[in-house]
Amino acid sequence: MESQISTPQMQFAQRLSPTRRGARLARRLVAHQLYLWGIPHGSDLSDAAAHVTAELAANAVTHGHVPGRDFELRLTYARPSRTLRIEVSDARGDRVPELRRPDPEAETGRGLRLVEATAATWGVTERRIGKTVWAELRAPSPELSFARSGWEG
């Protein structure tokens, strides 16, 4: 009898240009990839993931840009724990994000507050070149359909 090994997680990674267009594409790719994994557009998890990705990608483009270097988007969905991890890596290790009290008159500076309010947890990990800012979201239900992905975990 042949045994099958099932992987308890699904992954997706894509390098993107460090432009506003690349940041917009990151958000769309997340929603599309989650859809392929059986998480519908418009669901709480899909919407939260799109918002968090938009903030992390915008920060990578705005504050983490190094000429000639892309940023990377990575998604990992761990089915047993129902945890979606979103990682955005850029080449600027010297610009580590931190929560600050926003200036009430400023039109920017609230993105990480949105990430903190939306994610179960978030943080920053150093890399050999640059950093990775990550956030983890929890799926509200263990019963997600993975039929479209062909994945049977």
N, C-alpha and C. Protein backbone atom coordinates (compact mmCIF):
# COMPACT_ATOMS: atom_id res chain seq x y z
N MET A 1 0.84 -1.18 0.00
CA MET A 1 0.00 0.00 0.00
C MET A 1 0.88 1.24 0.00
N GLU A 2 0.63 2.13 -0.89
CA GLU A 2 1.42 3.36 -1.00
C GLU A 2 0.85 4.42 -0.07
N SER A 3 1.72 5.02 0.73
CA SER A 3 1.25 6.09 1.63
C SER A 3 1.53 7.44 1.00
N GLN A 4 0.66 8.38 1.30
CA GLN A 4 0.82 9.73 0.81
C GLN A 4 1.17 10.65 1.97
N ILE A 5 2.07 11.55 1.72
CA ILE A 5 2.45 12.54 2.72
C ILE A 5 1.71 13.82 2.39
N SER A 6 0.96 14.32 3.35
CA SER A 6 0.25 15.57 3.09
C SER A 6 0.99 16.70 3.77
N THR A 7 1.09 17.80 3.07
CA THR A 7 1.73 18.99 3.61
C THR A 7 0.68 19.83 4.32
N PRO A 8 0.93 20.19 5.58
CA PRO A 8 -0.09 20.93 6.31
C PRO A 8 -0.13 22.42 5.98
N GLN A 9 0.60 22.83 4.97
CA GLN A 9 0.56 24.25 4.62
C GLN A 9 0.73 24.44 3.13
N MET A 10 0.23 25.60 2.69
CA MET A 10 0.35 25.99 1.29
C MET A 10 1.18 27.26 1.25
N GLN A 11 1.95 27.43 0.17
CA GLN A 11 2.82 28.60 0.07
C GLN A 11 2.72 29.24 -1.30
N PHE A 12 3.01 30.53 -1.31
CA PHE A 12 3.06 31.32 -2.53
C PHE A 12 4.12 32.39 -2.33
N ALA A 13 4.93 32.64 -3.35
CA ALA A 13 5.93 33.71 -3.27
C ALA A 13 6.05 34.38 -4.63
N GLN A 14 6.26 35.69 -4.60
CA GLN A 14 6.41 36.46 -5.84
C GLN A 14 7.27 37.68 -5.57
N ARG A 15 8.23 37.93 -6.45
CA ARG A 15 9.00 39.17 -6.40
C ARG A 15 8.28 40.20 -7.24
N LEU A 16 8.29 41.44 -6.75
CA LEU A 16 7.56 42.52 -7.42
C LEU A 16 8.43 43.77 -7.51
N SER A 17 8.13 44.59 -8.49
CA SER A 17 8.88 45.84 -8.65
C SER A 17 8.56 46.77 -7.48
N PRO A 18 9.54 47.50 -7.00
CA PRO A 18 9.33 48.39 -5.85
C PRO A 18 8.70 49.72 -6.26
N THR A 19 7.51 49.61 -6.83
CA THR A 19 6.77 50.77 -7.32
C THR A 19 5.36 50.73 -6.73
N ARG A 20 4.62 51.82 -6.88
CA ARG A 20 3.23 51.82 -6.44
C ARG A 20 2.43 50.75 -7.19
N ARG A 21 2.76 50.55 -8.44
CA ARG A 21 2.09 49.51 -9.22
C ARG A 21 2.39 48.12 -8.64
N GLY A 22 3.65 47.89 -8.25
CA GLY A 22 4.01 46.62 -7.62
C GLY A 22 3.27 46.40 -6.32
N ALA A 23 3.09 47.46 -5.54
CA ALA A 23 2.35 47.35 -4.28
C ALA A 23 0.88 47.02 -4.53
N ARG A 24 0.27 47.64 -5.54
CA ARG A 24 -1.12 47.34 -5.89
C ARG A 24 -1.26 45.89 -6.36
N LEU A 25 -0.29 45.46 -7.15
CA LEU A 25 -0.31 44.08 -7.65
C LEU A 25 -0.19 43.09 -6.49
N ALA A 26 0.60 43.40 -5.49
CA ALA A 26 0.75 42.51 -4.33
C ALA A 26 -0.61 42.27 -3.69
N ARG A 27 -1.36 43.33 -3.50
CA ARG A 27 -2.69 43.21 -2.88
C ARG A 27 -3.60 42.32 -3.73
N ARG A 28 -3.60 42.53 -5.02
CA ARG A 28 -4.44 41.72 -5.91
C ARG A 28 -3.99 40.26 -5.95
N LEU A 29 -2.69 40.04 -5.93
CA LEU A 29 -2.18 38.67 -5.93
C LEU A 29 -2.61 37.91 -4.69
N VAL A 30 -2.62 38.58 -3.56
CA VAL A 30 -3.04 37.93 -2.32
C VAL A 30 -4.50 37.49 -2.43
N ALA A 31 -5.37 38.39 -2.84
CA ALA A 31 -6.79 38.03 -2.98
C ALA A 31 -6.98 36.89 -3.96
N HIS A 32 -6.24 36.92 -5.07
CA HIS A 32 -6.36 35.86 -6.08
C HIS A 32 -5.83 34.53 -5.54
N GLN A 33 -4.69 34.55 -4.88
CA GLN A 33 -4.10 33.31 -4.37
C GLN A 33 -5.00 32.70 -3.30
N LEU A 34 -5.55 33.52 -2.43
CA LEU A 34 -6.46 33.00 -1.41
C LEU A 34 -7.69 32.38 -2.08
N TYR A 35 -8.18 33.01 -3.13
CA TYR A 35 -9.32 32.45 -3.87
C TYR A 35 -8.96 31.07 -4.41
N LEU A 36 -7.76 30.94 -4.97
CA LEU A 36 -7.32 29.64 -5.50
C LEU A 36 -7.22 28.60 -4.39
N TRP A 37 -6.95 29.04 -3.18
CA TRP A 37 -6.87 28.13 -2.03
C TRP A 37 -8.24 27.88 -1.41
N GLY A 38 -9.30 28.46 -1.98
CA GLY A 38 -10.63 28.21 -1.48
C GLY A 38 -11.17 29.25 -0.53
N ILE A 39 -10.49 30.36 -0.39
CA ILE A 39 -10.94 31.43 0.50
C ILE A 39 -11.57 32.50 -0.38
N PRO A 40 -12.88 32.66 -0.32
CA PRO A 40 -13.58 33.51 -1.30
C PRO A 40 -13.25 34.99 -1.18
N HIS A 41 -13.32 35.67 -2.34
CA HIS A 41 -13.22 37.13 -2.38
C HIS A 41 -14.33 37.69 -1.49
N GLY A 42 -14.04 38.74 -0.77
CA GLY A 42 -15.04 39.36 0.07
C GLY A 42 -15.21 38.73 1.43
N SER A 43 -14.54 37.61 1.68
CA SER A 43 -14.61 37.00 3.01
C SER A 43 -13.79 37.85 3.98
N ASP A 44 -14.03 37.68 5.27
CA ASP A 44 -13.27 38.44 6.27
C ASP A 44 -11.77 38.23 6.11
N LEU A 45 -11.36 36.97 5.92
CA LEU A 45 -9.93 36.68 5.80
C LEU A 45 -9.33 37.29 4.54
N SER A 46 -10.03 37.17 3.42
CA SER A 46 -9.53 37.74 2.16
C SER A 46 -9.41 39.26 2.26
N ASP A 47 -10.42 39.91 2.79
CA ASP A 47 -10.38 41.37 2.91
C ASP A 47 -9.27 41.83 3.87
N ALA A 48 -9.16 41.16 5.01
CA ALA A 48 -8.12 41.53 5.98
C ALA A 48 -6.73 41.31 5.39
N ALA A 49 -6.54 40.20 4.69
CA ALA A 49 -5.24 39.91 4.07
C ALA A 49 -4.90 40.96 3.01
N ALA A 50 -5.88 41.37 2.23
CA ALA A 50 -5.64 42.39 1.20
C ALA A 50 -5.23 43.72 1.85
N HIS A 51 -5.90 44.11 2.92
CA HIS A 51 -5.57 45.37 3.59
C HIS A 51 -4.17 45.32 4.22
N VAL A 52 -3.87 44.23 4.90
CA VAL A 52 -2.55 44.10 5.53
C VAL A 52 -1.46 44.10 4.46
N THR A 53 -1.68 43.36 3.39
CA THR A 53 -0.69 43.31 2.30
C THR A 53 -0.49 44.69 1.70
N ALA A 54 -1.57 45.43 1.49
CA ALA A 54 -1.46 46.78 0.93
C ALA A 54 -0.57 47.65 1.80
N GLU A 55 -0.75 47.58 3.11
CA GLU A 55 0.06 48.41 4.02
C GLU A 55 1.52 47.98 4.02
N LEU A 56 1.76 46.67 4.11
CA LEU A 56 3.15 46.19 4.15
C LEU A 56 3.87 46.46 2.83
N ALA A 57 3.17 46.25 1.72
CA ALA A 57 3.78 46.50 0.41
C ALA A 57 4.04 48.00 0.20
N ALA A 58 3.09 48.84 0.61
CA ALA A 58 3.29 50.28 0.48
C ALA A 58 4.50 50.73 1.30
N ASN A 59 4.65 50.19 2.51
CA ASN A 59 5.83 50.52 3.31
C ASN A 59 7.12 50.05 2.66
N ALA A 60 7.10 48.85 2.07
CA ALA A 60 8.30 48.34 1.40
C ALA A 60 8.69 49.24 0.23
N VAL A 61 7.70 49.71 -0.51
CA VAL A 61 7.95 50.56 -1.67
C VAL A 61 8.39 51.95 -1.23
N THR A 62 7.76 52.48 -0.20
CA THR A 62 8.03 53.85 0.24
C THR A 62 9.30 53.96 1.09
N HIS A 63 9.46 53.04 2.03
CA HIS A 63 10.55 53.16 3.00
C HIS A 63 11.66 52.13 2.82
N GLY A 64 11.40 51.05 2.08
CA GLY A 64 12.38 49.99 1.95
C GLY A 64 13.02 49.87 0.59
N HIS A 65 12.73 50.82 -0.28
CA HIS A 65 13.22 50.76 -1.66
C HIS A 65 14.73 50.99 -1.74
N VAL A 66 15.39 50.11 -2.46
CA VAL A 66 16.79 50.26 -2.84
C VAL A 66 16.83 50.12 -4.36
N PRO A 67 17.40 51.11 -5.07
CA PRO A 67 17.42 51.02 -6.54
C PRO A 67 17.96 49.68 -7.02
N GLY A 68 17.26 49.09 -7.97
CA GLY A 68 17.67 47.82 -8.55
C GLY A 68 17.25 46.59 -7.76
N ARG A 69 16.55 46.76 -6.67
CA ARG A 69 16.12 45.62 -5.84
C ARG A 69 14.60 45.55 -5.77
N ASP A 70 14.06 44.37 -6.02
CA ASP A 70 12.63 44.14 -5.91
C ASP A 70 12.25 43.93 -4.45
N PHE A 71 10.96 43.88 -4.17
CA PHE A 71 10.51 43.39 -2.88
C PHE A 71 9.83 42.05 -3.11
N GLU A 72 9.72 41.27 -2.05
CA GLU A 72 9.14 39.94 -2.18
C GLU A 72 7.91 39.80 -1.30
N LEU A 73 6.89 39.21 -1.86
CA LEU A 73 5.67 38.87 -1.15
C LEU A 73 5.66 37.36 -0.95
N ARG A 74 5.37 36.93 0.25
CA ARG A 74 5.29 35.49 0.54
C ARG A 74 4.06 35.24 1.41
N LEU A 75 3.28 34.23 1.03
CA LEU A 75 2.11 33.81 1.79
C LEU A 75 2.30 32.37 2.23
N THR A 76 1.90 32.08 3.44
CA THR A 76 1.88 30.71 3.92
C THR A 76 0.58 30.51 4.67
N TYR A 77 -0.17 29.50 4.27
CA TYR A 77 -1.40 29.17 4.99
C TYR A 77 -1.20 27.81 5.64
N ALA A 78 -1.18 27.79 6.96
CA ALA A 78 -1.04 26.55 7.73
C ALA A 78 -2.44 26.07 8.07
N ARG A 79 -2.84 25.01 7.46
CA ARG A 79 -4.21 24.53 7.62
C ARG A 79 -4.54 24.09 9.05
N PRO A 80 -3.67 23.35 9.72
CA PRO A 80 -4.06 22.90 11.06
C PRO A 80 -4.34 24.06 12.03
N SER A 81 -3.54 25.10 11.95
CA SER A 81 -3.73 26.23 12.88
C SER A 81 -4.61 27.33 12.28
N ARG A 82 -5.00 27.17 10.99
CA ARG A 82 -5.82 28.18 10.30
C ARG A 82 -5.15 29.54 10.33
N THR A 83 -3.83 29.55 10.16
CA THR A 83 -3.06 30.79 10.22
C THR A 83 -2.53 31.15 8.84
N LEU A 84 -2.82 32.37 8.43
CA LEU A 84 -2.27 32.92 7.19
C LEU A 84 -1.15 33.87 7.59
N ARG A 85 0.05 33.60 7.10
CA ARG A 85 1.19 34.48 7.35
C ARG A 85 1.51 35.22 6.06
N ILE A 86 1.56 36.54 6.17
CA ILE A 86 1.90 37.41 5.05
C ILE A 86 3.27 38.00 5.36
N GLU A 87 4.21 37.84 4.43
CA GLU A 87 5.55 38.40 4.61
C GLU A 87 5.86 39.30 3.42
N VAL A 88 6.42 40.47 3.72
CA VAL A 88 6.90 41.38 2.68
C VAL A 88 8.34 41.71 3.03
N SER A 89 9.24 41.37 2.12
CA SER A 89 10.67 41.58 2.35
C SER A 89 11.19 42.65 1.42
N ASP A 90 12.05 43.51 1.96
CA ASP A 90 12.69 44.53 1.14
C ASP A 90 14.18 44.57 1.47
N ALA A 91 14.91 45.40 0.77
CA ALA A 91 16.37 45.42 0.88
C ALA A 91 16.91 46.42 1.89
N ARG A 92 16.06 47.13 2.61
CA ARG A 92 16.52 48.15 3.57
C ARG A 92 16.40 47.63 5.00
N GLY A 93 17.46 47.07 5.52
CA GLY A 93 17.45 46.60 6.89
C GLY A 93 17.59 47.71 7.90
N ASP A 94 18.02 48.90 7.46
CA ASP A 94 18.23 50.02 8.38
C ASP A 94 16.95 50.80 8.67
N ARG A 95 15.87 50.52 7.98
CA ARG A 95 14.60 51.23 8.18
C ARG A 95 13.57 50.25 8.74
N VAL A 96 13.67 49.99 10.03
CA VAL A 96 12.78 49.04 10.68
C VAL A 96 11.50 49.76 11.11
N PRO A 97 10.34 49.22 10.73
CA PRO A 97 9.09 49.88 11.10
C PRO A 97 8.81 49.77 12.59
N GLU A 98 8.20 50.81 13.12
CA GLU A 98 7.80 50.79 14.52
C GLU A 98 6.51 51.59 14.66
N LEU A 99 5.72 51.18 15.63
CA LEU A 99 4.48 51.90 15.90
C LEU A 99 4.79 53.23 16.55
N ARG A 100 4.19 54.27 16.03
CA ARG A 100 4.33 55.61 16.61
C ARG A 100 2.95 56.23 16.70
N ARG A 101 2.82 57.14 17.61
CA ARG A 101 1.56 57.89 17.68
C ARG A 101 1.52 58.81 16.46
N PRO A 102 0.48 58.67 15.64
CA PRO A 102 0.43 59.50 14.43
C PRO A 102 0.10 60.95 14.77
N ASP A 103 0.65 61.84 13.98
CA ASP A 103 0.31 63.25 14.07
C ASP A 103 -1.15 63.39 13.62
N PRO A 104 -2.01 63.97 14.45
CA PRO A 104 -3.42 64.07 14.06
C PRO A 104 -3.65 64.86 12.78
N GLU A 105 -2.72 65.73 12.43
CA GLU A 105 -2.85 66.53 11.21
C GLU A 105 -2.29 65.82 9.98
N ALA A 106 -1.51 64.75 10.19
CA ALA A 106 -0.86 64.07 9.07
C ALA A 106 -1.85 63.18 8.33
N GLU A 107 -1.64 63.05 7.02
CA GLU A 107 -2.49 62.19 6.21
C GLU A 107 -1.91 60.79 6.08
N THR A 108 -0.72 60.56 6.59
CA THR A 108 -0.07 59.25 6.53
C THR A 108 0.39 58.86 7.93
N GLY A 109 0.97 57.67 8.03
CA GLY A 109 1.55 57.24 9.29
C GLY A 109 0.67 56.36 10.15
N ARG A 110 -0.39 55.82 9.57
CA ARG A 110 -1.30 54.98 10.34
C ARG A 110 -1.34 53.53 9.85
N GLY A 111 -0.54 53.20 8.87
CA GLY A 111 -0.57 51.86 8.27
C GLY A 111 -0.26 50.75 9.23
N LEU A 112 0.78 50.91 10.05
CA LEU A 112 1.11 49.85 11.00
C LEU A 112 0.06 49.72 12.09
N ARG A 113 -0.63 50.79 12.39
CA ARG A 113 -1.75 50.70 13.36
C ARG A 113 -2.85 49.81 12.78
N LEU A 114 -3.11 49.94 11.48
CA LEU A 114 -4.09 49.08 10.84
C LEU A 114 -3.63 47.62 10.87
N VAL A 115 -2.34 47.39 10.59
CA VAL A 115 -1.80 46.03 10.64
C VAL A 115 -1.94 45.47 12.05
N GLU A 116 -1.58 46.25 13.05
CA GLU A 116 -1.68 45.80 14.44
C GLU A 116 -3.12 45.48 14.83
N ALA A 117 -4.06 46.29 14.38
CA ALA A 117 -5.46 46.08 14.72
C ALA A 117 -6.05 44.87 14.00
N THR A 118 -5.55 44.55 12.83
CA THR A 118 -6.11 43.49 12.01
C THR A 118 -5.47 42.13 12.28
N ALA A 119 -4.16 42.12 12.46
CA ALA A 119 -3.41 40.87 12.59
C ALA A 119 -3.46 40.32 14.02
N ALA A 120 -3.37 39.00 14.12
CA ALA A 120 -3.25 38.37 15.44
C ALA A 120 -1.90 38.72 16.05
N THR A 121 -0.88 38.81 15.20
CA THR A 121 0.45 39.20 15.61
C THR A 121 1.21 39.70 14.39
N TRP A 122 2.25 40.49 14.61
CA TRP A 122 3.08 40.96 13.51
C TRP A 122 4.48 41.25 14.05
N GLY A 123 5.44 41.38 13.16
CA GLY A 123 6.79 41.67 13.60
C GLY A 123 7.73 41.90 12.43
N VAL A 124 9.01 42.00 12.77
CA VAL A 124 10.06 42.24 11.79
C VAL A 124 11.17 41.23 12.02
N THR A 125 11.65 40.65 10.95
CA THR A 125 12.75 39.69 11.01
C THR A 125 13.88 40.21 10.13
N GLU A 126 15.10 40.20 10.66
CA GLU A 126 16.25 40.60 9.86
C GLU A 126 16.57 39.52 8.83
N ARG A 127 17.14 39.96 7.73
CA ARG A 127 17.62 39.05 6.68
C ARG A 127 19.07 39.40 6.40
N ARG A 128 19.72 38.56 5.63
CA ARG A 128 21.11 38.85 5.25
C ARG A 128 21.18 40.21 4.57
N ILE A 129 20.23 40.46 3.68
CA ILE A 129 20.10 41.78 3.06
C ILE A 129 18.67 42.23 3.31
N GLY A 130 18.52 43.27 4.09
CA GLY A 130 17.19 43.83 4.32
C GLY A 130 16.47 43.25 5.50
N LYS A 131 15.14 43.24 5.37
CA LYS A 131 14.27 42.79 6.46
C LYS A 131 12.99 42.20 5.88
N THR A 132 12.29 41.48 6.71
CA THR A 132 10.97 40.97 6.38
C THR A 132 10.01 41.47 7.44
N VAL A 133 8.95 42.13 7.01
CA VAL A 133 7.87 42.52 7.91
C VAL A 133 6.75 41.51 7.67
N TRP A 134 6.27 40.91 8.74
CA TRP A 134 5.29 39.85 8.61
C TRP A 134 4.08 40.11 9.52
N ALA A 135 2.98 39.51 9.14
CA ALA A 135 1.75 39.58 9.93
C ALA A 135 1.05 38.23 9.81
N GLU A 136 0.42 37.81 10.89
CA GLU A 136 -0.33 36.57 10.87
C GLU A 136 -1.80 36.86 11.16
N LEU A 137 -2.65 36.27 10.33
CA LEU A 137 -4.10 36.39 10.46
C LEU A 137 -4.67 35.00 10.72
N ARG A 138 -5.71 34.93 11.49
CA ARG A 138 -6.36 33.66 11.77
C ARG A 138 -7.66 33.56 10.98
N ALA A 139 -7.85 32.42 10.31
CA ALA A 139 -9.09 32.17 9.60
C ALA A 139 -10.19 31.92 10.62
N PRO A 140 -11.38 32.46 10.40
CA PRO A 140 -12.46 32.31 11.37
C PRO A 140 -13.04 30.91 11.44
N SER A 141 -12.86 30.09 10.41
CA SER A 141 -13.49 28.78 10.38
C SER A 141 -12.50 27.73 9.88
N PRO A 142 -12.48 26.56 10.51
CA PRO A 142 -11.59 25.51 10.03
C PRO A 142 -12.10 24.85 8.75
N GLU A 143 -13.31 25.12 8.40
CA GLU A 143 -13.92 24.45 7.25
C GLU A 143 -13.79 25.28 5.98
N LEU A 144 -12.60 25.39 5.46
CA LEU A 144 -12.40 26.10 4.19
C LEU A 144 -12.31 25.07 3.08
N SER A 145 -12.82 25.41 1.94
CA SER A 145 -12.78 24.50 0.79
C SER A 145 -11.46 24.72 0.04
N PHE A 146 -10.76 23.64 -0.19
CA PHE A 146 -9.49 23.73 -0.93
C PHE A 146 -9.62 23.06 -2.28
N ALA A 147 -10.84 22.86 -2.75
CA ALA A 147 -11.09 22.12 -3.99
C ALA A 147 -10.44 22.79 -5.19
N ARG A 148 -10.49 24.11 -5.29
CA ARG A 148 -9.95 24.78 -6.48
C ARG A 148 -8.44 24.67 -6.58
N SER A 149 -7.76 24.49 -5.44
CA SER A 149 -6.30 24.44 -5.47
C SER A 149 -5.79 23.05 -5.84
N GLY A 150 -6.66 22.03 -5.73
CA GLY A 150 -6.20 20.67 -5.95
C GLY A 150 -5.44 20.14 -4.75
N TRP A 151 -5.41 20.91 -3.68
CA TRP A 151 -4.66 20.53 -2.50
C TRP A 151 -5.55 19.76 -1.57
N GLU A 152 -5.11 18.63 -1.12
CA GLU A 152 -5.90 17.81 -0.23
C GLU A 152 -5.08 17.49 0.99
N GLY A 153 -5.09 18.38 1.97
CA GLY A 153 -4.25 18.25 3.15
C GLY A 153 -4.80 17.40 4.23
